[in-house]
Amino acid sequence: QLRAERAKAEEASTVGKGGVSHEFVEKAQKLGKELERYKEEAIRLDRSNDVLSREVEGLRTKCKSHEEDHEFLVRQMVALKRENSRLKSELERFSNPTSNEQTQSGSANSGRMFLSSQKMPSQG
């Protein structure tokens, strides 16, 4: 019975207006402030995320463009290597001793015309 009286007295001393304890009010205020900090942090992170998302999209676009350029250059290089190989074969064929007989008979001019009429692929 004495314990019950002390508990009631202690409770009465901690209860403020409206029957709410001071501890509860303090805790509620503390949690409210913490909630505001988290809201501000969430807003800041959301803005940062928007900026970074736009940057990522720009970098993806740039990367795709570079990949397309790379593919184009690889195809161009392969074509130029084929052309180079073909021209070397032509040169070897016309500078070969067996083709010297053709040169004396006048067919070398047609070979020179063939070589000079070939166009190199343009470098875009």
Protein backbone atom coordinates (compact mmCIF):
# COMPACT_ATOMS: atom_id res chain seq x y z
CA GLN A 1 0.00 0.00 0.00
CA LEU A 2 2.84 2.33 0.77
CA ARG A 3 4.47 1.46 -2.55
CA ALA A 4 1.28 2.28 -4.43
CA GLU A 5 1.13 5.66 -2.71
CA ARG A 6 4.73 6.44 -3.62
CA ALA A 7 4.15 5.39 -7.24
CA LYS A 8 1.10 7.68 -7.45
CA ALA A 9 3.04 10.57 -5.92
CA GLU A 10 5.96 10.04 -8.29
CA GLU A 11 3.64 9.86 -11.27
CA ALA A 12 1.86 13.01 -10.19
CA SER A 13 5.16 14.91 -9.96
CA THR A 14 6.17 13.96 -13.52
CA VAL A 15 2.77 14.70 -15.09
CA GLY A 16 2.34 18.16 -16.60
CA LYS A 17 -0.68 19.88 -18.12
CA GLY A 18 -3.29 17.59 -19.64
CA GLY A 19 -2.04 14.53 -17.81
CA VAL A 20 1.04 14.03 -20.06
CA SER A 21 4.41 13.36 -18.45
CA HIS A 22 7.33 15.72 -19.04
CA GLU A 23 9.48 12.82 -20.19
CA PHE A 24 6.95 11.95 -22.88
CA VAL A 25 6.84 15.56 -24.11
CA GLU A 26 10.63 15.79 -24.20
CA LYS A 27 10.90 12.50 -26.05
CA ALA A 28 8.21 13.59 -28.55
CA GLN A 29 10.06 16.88 -29.19
CA LYS A 30 13.35 15.04 -29.61
CA LEU A 31 11.77 12.61 -32.07
CA GLY A 32 10.16 15.52 -33.95
CA LYS A 33 13.54 17.21 -34.37
CA GLU A 34 15.09 13.93 -35.48
CA LEU A 35 12.28 13.45 -38.00
CA GLU A 36 12.96 16.93 -39.45
CA ARG A 37 16.66 16.13 -39.81
CA TYR A 38 15.83 12.92 -41.66
CA LYS A 39 13.37 14.74 -43.92
CA GLU A 40 16.00 17.36 -44.79
CA GLU A 41 18.56 14.63 -45.43
CA ALA A 42 16.08 12.78 -47.67
CA ILE A 43 15.42 15.96 -49.67
CA ARG A 44 19.16 16.61 -50.02
CA LEU A 45 19.81 13.04 -51.13
CA ASP A 46 16.93 13.18 -53.61
CA ARG A 47 18.35 16.33 -55.21
CA SER A 48 21.80 14.78 -55.32
CA ASN A 49 20.34 11.64 -56.87
CA ASP A 50 18.61 13.72 -59.59
CA VAL A 51 21.87 15.48 -60.46
CA LEU A 52 23.82 12.22 -60.55
CA SER A 53 21.11 10.50 -62.62
CA ARG A 54 21.34 13.24 -65.25
CA GLU A 55 25.14 12.94 -65.23
CA VAL A 56 24.95 9.15 -65.64
CA GLU A 57 22.56 9.52 -68.58
CA GLY A 58 24.93 11.98 -70.24
CA LEU A 59 27.87 9.64 -69.71
CA ARG A 60 25.89 6.70 -71.11
CA THR A 61 25.09 8.72 -74.22
CA LYS A 62 28.73 9.70 -74.59
CA CYS A 63 29.85 6.09 -74.08
CA LYS A 64 27.42 4.84 -76.73
CA SER A 65 28.73 7.47 -79.14
CA HIS A 66 32.32 6.39 -78.46
CA GLU A 67 31.39 2.75 -78.98
CA GLU A 68 29.79 3.60 -82.33
CA ASP A 69 32.88 5.59 -83.33
CA HIS A 70 35.08 2.66 -82.31
CA GLU A 71 33.02 0.21 -84.37
CA PHE A 72 33.20 2.54 -87.38
CA LEU A 73 36.97 2.91 -87.04
CA VAL A 74 37.46 -0.84 -86.70
CA ARG A 75 35.41 -1.44 -89.87
CA GLN A 76 37.39 1.28 -91.65
CA MET A 77 40.69 -0.22 -90.48
CA VAL A 78 39.68 -3.69 -91.69
CA ALA A 79 38.69 -2.24 -95.08
CA LEU A 80 41.98 -0.35 -95.32
CA LYS A 81 43.97 -3.47 -94.42
CA ARG A 82 42.17 -5.41 -97.15
CA GLU A 83 42.82 -2.60 -99.60
CA ASN A 84 46.46 -2.44 -98.55
CA SER A 85 46.83 -6.20 -98.96
CA ARG A 86 45.19 -6.07 -102.37
CA LEU A 87 47.44 -3.22 -103.48
CA LYS A 88 50.54 -5.04 -102.25
CA SER A 89 49.46 -8.08 -104.24
CA GLU A 90 48.94 -5.93 -107.32
CA LEU A 91 52.31 -4.28 -106.85
CA GLU A 92 53.98 -7.64 -106.38
CA ARG A 93 52.22 -9.01 -109.44
CA PHE A 94 53.39 -6.12 -111.62
CA SER A 95 56.92 -6.10 -110.24
CA ASN A 96 57.28 -9.89 -110.60
CA PRO A 97 59.80 -11.03 -113.27
CA THR A 98 57.08 -12.90 -115.14
CA SER A 99 55.13 -9.72 -115.40
CA ASN A 100 58.16 -7.96 -116.91
CA GLU A 101 57.31 -9.74 -120.13
CA GLN A 102 53.90 -8.07 -119.95
CA THR A 103 55.58 -4.72 -119.34
CA GLN A 104 57.60 -5.06 -122.50
CA SER A 105 54.50 -5.90 -124.47
CA GLY A 106 52.77 -2.73 -123.26
CA SER A 107 50.33 -4.19 -120.76
CA ALA A 108 52.09 -2.46 -117.86
CA ASN A 109 50.29 0.75 -118.69
CA SER A 110 46.96 -0.92 -118.01
CA GLY A 111 48.30 -2.03 -114.60
CA ARG A 112 49.43 1.48 -113.75
CA MET A 113 46.07 2.83 -114.76
CA PHE A 114 44.40 0.21 -112.59
CA LEU A 115 46.49 1.20 -109.56
CA SER A 116 45.98 4.92 -110.04
CA SER A 117 42.24 4.55 -110.55
CA GLN A 118 41.73 2.91 -107.13
CA LYS A 119 40.35 5.27 -104.53
CA MET A 120 41.24 5.12 -100.87
CA PRO A 121 38.25 5.16 -98.50
CA SER A 122 37.70 8.61 -97.09
CA GLN A 123 38.56 9.18 -93.48
CA GLY A 124 35.38 10.50 -91.88
